[in-house]
Amino acid sequence: MMKRLIYLTALLLAGHGAFAQNGLLQSIRPDHVQLQYAGNIGLLSVGLGYNFAGDKLHVTLMDGFVPASIAGSNINTVALKSSYDFIHIPVARKTITPYAGLAAMFETSGNGYYKTLPERFVDRKYYQMSAFHLAVFAGGKLGLPMGTRKGQRVELYAETGTLDSYVYYYFKNETLNFTDLFSAALGISYHFGNK
């Protein structure tokens, strides 16, 4: 899977030049590519996305992976992650940006995940399928200008978030601590700049 993530990232970066050659392709090319470590999508995830609303709203399609050595079986996740930048704070030639967002995630493999509740859960104490989750997250990023195009930059970010099921089980299970709800993520995104 690691090879797949590296190949996909290289393909996205190399393919960016091909988008610039054709008017139609230029108009649909992604605005950014993103690499993330941890944070509920996978141990490592990669994605591409678009910027909207004056570069304040970001929507990214991500592919995440957790290897069997960590999770007991390989887990692949596809996520649609959207975030909103509250404010861009200029500091020297850099930008500090607090943000928050939502994500919808679908786990596409792993032997502990299911799309509908199995029959063994006859009493229906379990409230949802385990293959689909909603997440909420918040964080901050540091933007570093790169290249000559307006908006071309690298952003380093850190965020914390939780899943719908974590919140549900927190209220149902008295033994969970509030801090058990959250996970952290670190990431980097490269924004290509003006189309």
Protein backbone atom coordinates (compact mmCIF):
# COMPACT_ATOMS: atom_id res chain seq x y z
CA MET A 1 0.00 0.00 0.00
CA MET A 2 2.88 2.36 0.78
CA LYS A 3 4.05 1.94 -2.82
CA ARG A 4 0.53 2.79 -4.00
CA LEU A 5 0.49 6.01 -1.96
CA ILE A 6 3.95 7.05 -3.18
CA TYR A 7 3.00 6.23 -6.79
CA LEU A 8 -0.27 8.17 -6.54
CA THR A 9 1.48 11.22 -5.06
CA ALA A 10 4.18 11.16 -7.76
CA LEU A 11 1.55 10.74 -10.47
CA LEU A 12 -0.45 13.69 -9.15
CA LEU A 13 2.59 15.95 -9.04
CA ALA A 14 3.90 14.84 -12.44
CA GLY A 15 0.45 15.02 -13.99
CA HIS A 16 0.05 18.62 -12.93
CA GLY A 17 2.14 19.70 -15.95
CA ALA A 18 -0.17 17.78 -18.28
CA PHE A 19 -3.18 19.66 -16.88
CA ALA A 20 -1.51 22.95 -17.75
CA GLN A 21 -1.24 22.02 -21.45
CA ASN A 22 -4.95 21.79 -22.28
CA GLY A 23 -7.68 24.39 -21.68
CA LEU A 24 -10.35 21.84 -20.66
CA LEU A 25 -8.00 19.88 -18.44
CA GLN A 26 -6.68 23.13 -17.00
CA SER A 27 -10.17 24.07 -15.80
CA ILE A 28 -10.72 20.76 -13.96
CA ARG A 29 -7.26 20.16 -12.53
CA PRO A 30 -7.06 19.90 -8.73
CA ASP A 31 -5.94 22.93 -6.73
CA HIS A 32 -3.92 20.99 -4.18
CA VAL A 33 -2.41 17.63 -3.22
CA GLN A 34 -2.26 16.54 0.41
CA LEU A 35 -0.38 13.98 2.50
CA GLN A 36 -1.54 13.23 6.06
CA TYR A 37 -0.17 11.11 8.90
CA ALA A 38 -2.82 9.63 11.26
CA GLY A 39 -6.08 11.42 12.09
CA ASN A 40 -8.80 8.72 11.65
CA ILE A 41 -8.42 8.41 7.84
CA GLY A 42 -5.46 6.05 8.04
CA LEU A 43 -1.93 5.82 9.30
CA LEU A 44 -1.00 7.52 6.04
CA SER A 45 -3.37 9.11 3.54
CA VAL A 46 -3.00 11.03 0.30
CA GLY A 47 -5.51 13.15 -1.54
CA LEU A 48 -6.27 15.83 -4.05
CA GLY A 49 -8.75 18.64 -3.83
CA TYR A 50 -10.21 21.96 -4.77
CA ASN A 51 -10.28 25.40 -3.15
CA PHE A 52 -13.45 27.55 -3.09
CA ALA A 53 -14.79 30.77 -1.56
CA GLY A 54 -11.70 32.86 -2.09
CA ASP A 55 -9.37 30.04 -0.99
CA LYS A 56 -11.12 29.66 2.38
CA LEU A 57 -13.04 26.42 1.71
CA HIS A 58 -11.07 23.28 0.81
CA VAL A 59 -12.59 19.96 -0.31
CA THR A 60 -10.21 16.99 -0.59
CA LEU A 61 -10.79 13.38 -1.67
CA MET A 62 -8.40 11.23 0.37
CA ASP A 63 -7.27 7.60 0.25
CA GLY A 64 -5.98 6.27 3.57
CA PHE A 65 -4.27 3.07 4.67
CA VAL A 66 -3.49 1.31 7.96
CA PRO A 67 -1.25 -1.78 7.62
CA ALA A 68 -2.07 -5.13 9.21
CA SER A 69 1.01 -4.83 11.42
CA ILE A 70 -0.79 -2.03 13.30
CA ALA A 71 -4.51 -2.84 12.91
CA GLY A 72 -4.54 -6.65 12.70
CA SER A 73 -5.69 -6.50 9.06
CA ASN A 74 -5.11 -4.01 6.26
CA ILE A 75 -7.64 -1.18 6.35
CA ASN A 76 -8.29 1.10 3.38
CA THR A 77 -10.36 4.24 3.80
CA VAL A 78 -11.78 6.71 1.29
CA ALA A 79 -12.72 10.10 2.74
CA LEU A 80 -14.22 13.34 1.52
CA LYS A 81 -12.72 15.98 3.78
CA SER A 82 -13.84 19.60 3.79
CA SER A 83 -12.37 22.42 5.86
CA TYR A 84 -12.97 26.12 6.28
CA ASP A 85 -10.23 28.66 7.06
CA PHE A 86 -11.44 31.18 9.64
CA ILE A 87 -8.76 33.79 9.02
CA HIS A 88 -5.38 34.07 7.29
CA ILE A 89 -2.92 35.78 9.64
CA PRO A 90 0.19 37.08 7.84
CA VAL A 91 3.44 36.74 9.78
CA ALA A 92 6.53 37.84 7.84
CA ARG A 93 6.16 35.99 4.50
CA LYS A 94 4.22 33.16 6.12
CA THR A 95 0.54 32.70 6.95
CA ILE A 96 -0.97 31.16 10.08
CA THR A 97 -4.50 29.84 9.58
CA PRO A 98 -6.90 28.32 12.14
CA TYR A 99 -9.52 26.06 10.55
CA ALA A 100 -12.24 23.50 11.23
CA GLY A 101 -14.02 20.94 9.11
CA LEU A 102 -16.06 17.83 8.53
CA ALA A 103 -15.23 14.54 6.81
CA ALA A 104 -17.25 11.58 5.59
CA MET A 105 -15.25 8.34 5.61
CA PHE A 106 -15.91 4.91 4.17
CA GLU A 107 -13.69 2.00 5.13
CA THR A 108 -13.38 -0.20 2.07
CA SER A 109 -11.53 -3.16 3.61
CA GLY A 110 -10.67 -4.77 6.90
CA ASN A 111 -12.24 -7.84 8.51
CA GLY A 112 -13.76 -5.91 11.43
CA TYR A 113 -15.78 -3.50 9.33
CA TYR A 114 -19.22 -3.94 7.88
CA LYS A 115 -21.68 -1.90 5.85
CA THR A 116 -24.78 -3.27 7.59
CA LEU A 117 -25.13 -4.77 11.05
CA PRO A 118 -24.43 -8.52 11.04
CA GLU A 119 -27.13 -10.86 12.33
CA ARG A 120 -25.05 -11.67 15.41
CA PHE A 121 -26.03 -8.23 16.74
CA VAL A 122 -29.61 -9.32 17.36
CA ASP A 123 -30.14 -7.05 20.36
CA ARG A 124 -29.17 -3.98 18.27
CA LYS A 125 -27.08 -2.39 21.00
CA TYR A 126 -24.79 -1.21 18.26
CA TYR A 127 -26.16 1.92 16.67
CA GLN A 128 -24.41 2.03 13.32
CA MET A 129 -22.52 0.22 10.65
CA SER A 130 -18.79 0.42 11.25
CA ALA A 131 -17.69 1.06 7.66
CA PHE A 132 -19.08 4.62 7.44
CA HIS A 133 -18.15 7.47 9.79
CA LEU A 134 -18.53 11.20 10.07
CA ALA A 135 -15.73 13.21 11.64
CA VAL A 136 -15.31 16.73 12.93
CA PHE A 137 -11.86 18.28 13.29
CA ALA A 138 -10.05 21.55 13.96
CA GLY A 139 -6.47 22.66 13.64
CA GLY A 140 -3.98 25.18 12.46
CA LYS A 141 -1.68 25.45 9.47
CA LEU A 142 1.43 27.34 8.53
CA GLY A 143 1.52 28.49 4.90
CA LEU A 144 4.86 28.99 3.16
CA PRO A 145 4.84 30.74 -0.25
CA MET A 146 6.43 28.76 -3.09
CA GLY A 147 6.97 29.50 -6.75
CA THR A 148 5.76 32.45 -8.78
CA ARG A 149 2.00 31.88 -9.12
CA LYS A 150 -0.42 33.61 -6.77
CA GLY A 151 -1.58 31.13 -4.13
CA GLN A 152 1.24 28.67 -4.84
CA ARG A 153 2.35 27.43 -1.43
CA VAL A 154 3.14 24.59 0.93
CA GLU A 155 1.08 24.27 4.11
CA LEU A 156 2.12 22.30 7.18
CA TYR A 157 -0.77 21.46 9.47
CA ALA A 158 -1.70 19.83 12.76
CA GLU A 159 -5.26 18.98 13.73
CA THR A 160 -7.31 17.03 16.22
CA GLY A 161 -10.66 15.41 15.59
CA THR A 162 -13.19 12.80 16.57
CA LEU A 163 -15.60 10.36 14.96
CA ASP A 164 -19.37 10.11 15.37
CA SER A 165 -19.06 6.67 16.96
CA TYR A 166 -16.50 7.91 19.52
CA VAL A 167 -18.92 10.59 20.69
CA TYR A 168 -21.81 8.11 20.82
CA TYR A 169 -19.88 5.57 22.87
CA TYR A 170 -18.47 8.28 25.15
CA PHE A 171 -22.01 9.03 26.35
CA LYS A 172 -22.93 5.33 26.57
CA ASN A 173 -19.78 4.15 28.34
CA GLU A 174 -18.83 5.73 31.67
CA THR A 175 -15.31 4.32 31.59
CA LEU A 176 -14.16 6.42 28.62
CA ASN A 177 -12.27 9.62 29.33
CA PHE A 178 -13.03 12.79 27.38
CA THR A 179 -9.52 12.68 25.90
CA ASP A 180 -10.28 9.22 24.44
CA LEU A 181 -12.56 10.94 21.92
CA PHE A 182 -9.76 12.65 20.03
CA SER A 183 -6.98 11.73 17.67
CA ALA A 184 -4.28 13.92 16.17
CA ALA A 185 -3.01 14.32 12.61
CA LEU A 186 -0.03 15.97 10.97
CA GLY A 187 0.06 16.81 7.30
CA ILE A 188 1.42 18.76 4.39
CA SER A 189 -0.41 20.13 1.38
CA TYR A 190 0.92 21.71 -1.79
CA HIS A 191 -1.30 24.29 -3.49
CA PHE A 192 -0.54 24.72 -7.20
CA GLY A 193 -1.63 28.36 -7.35
CA ASN A 194 -3.75 30.18 -9.94
CA LYS A 195 -5.23 28.10 -12.74
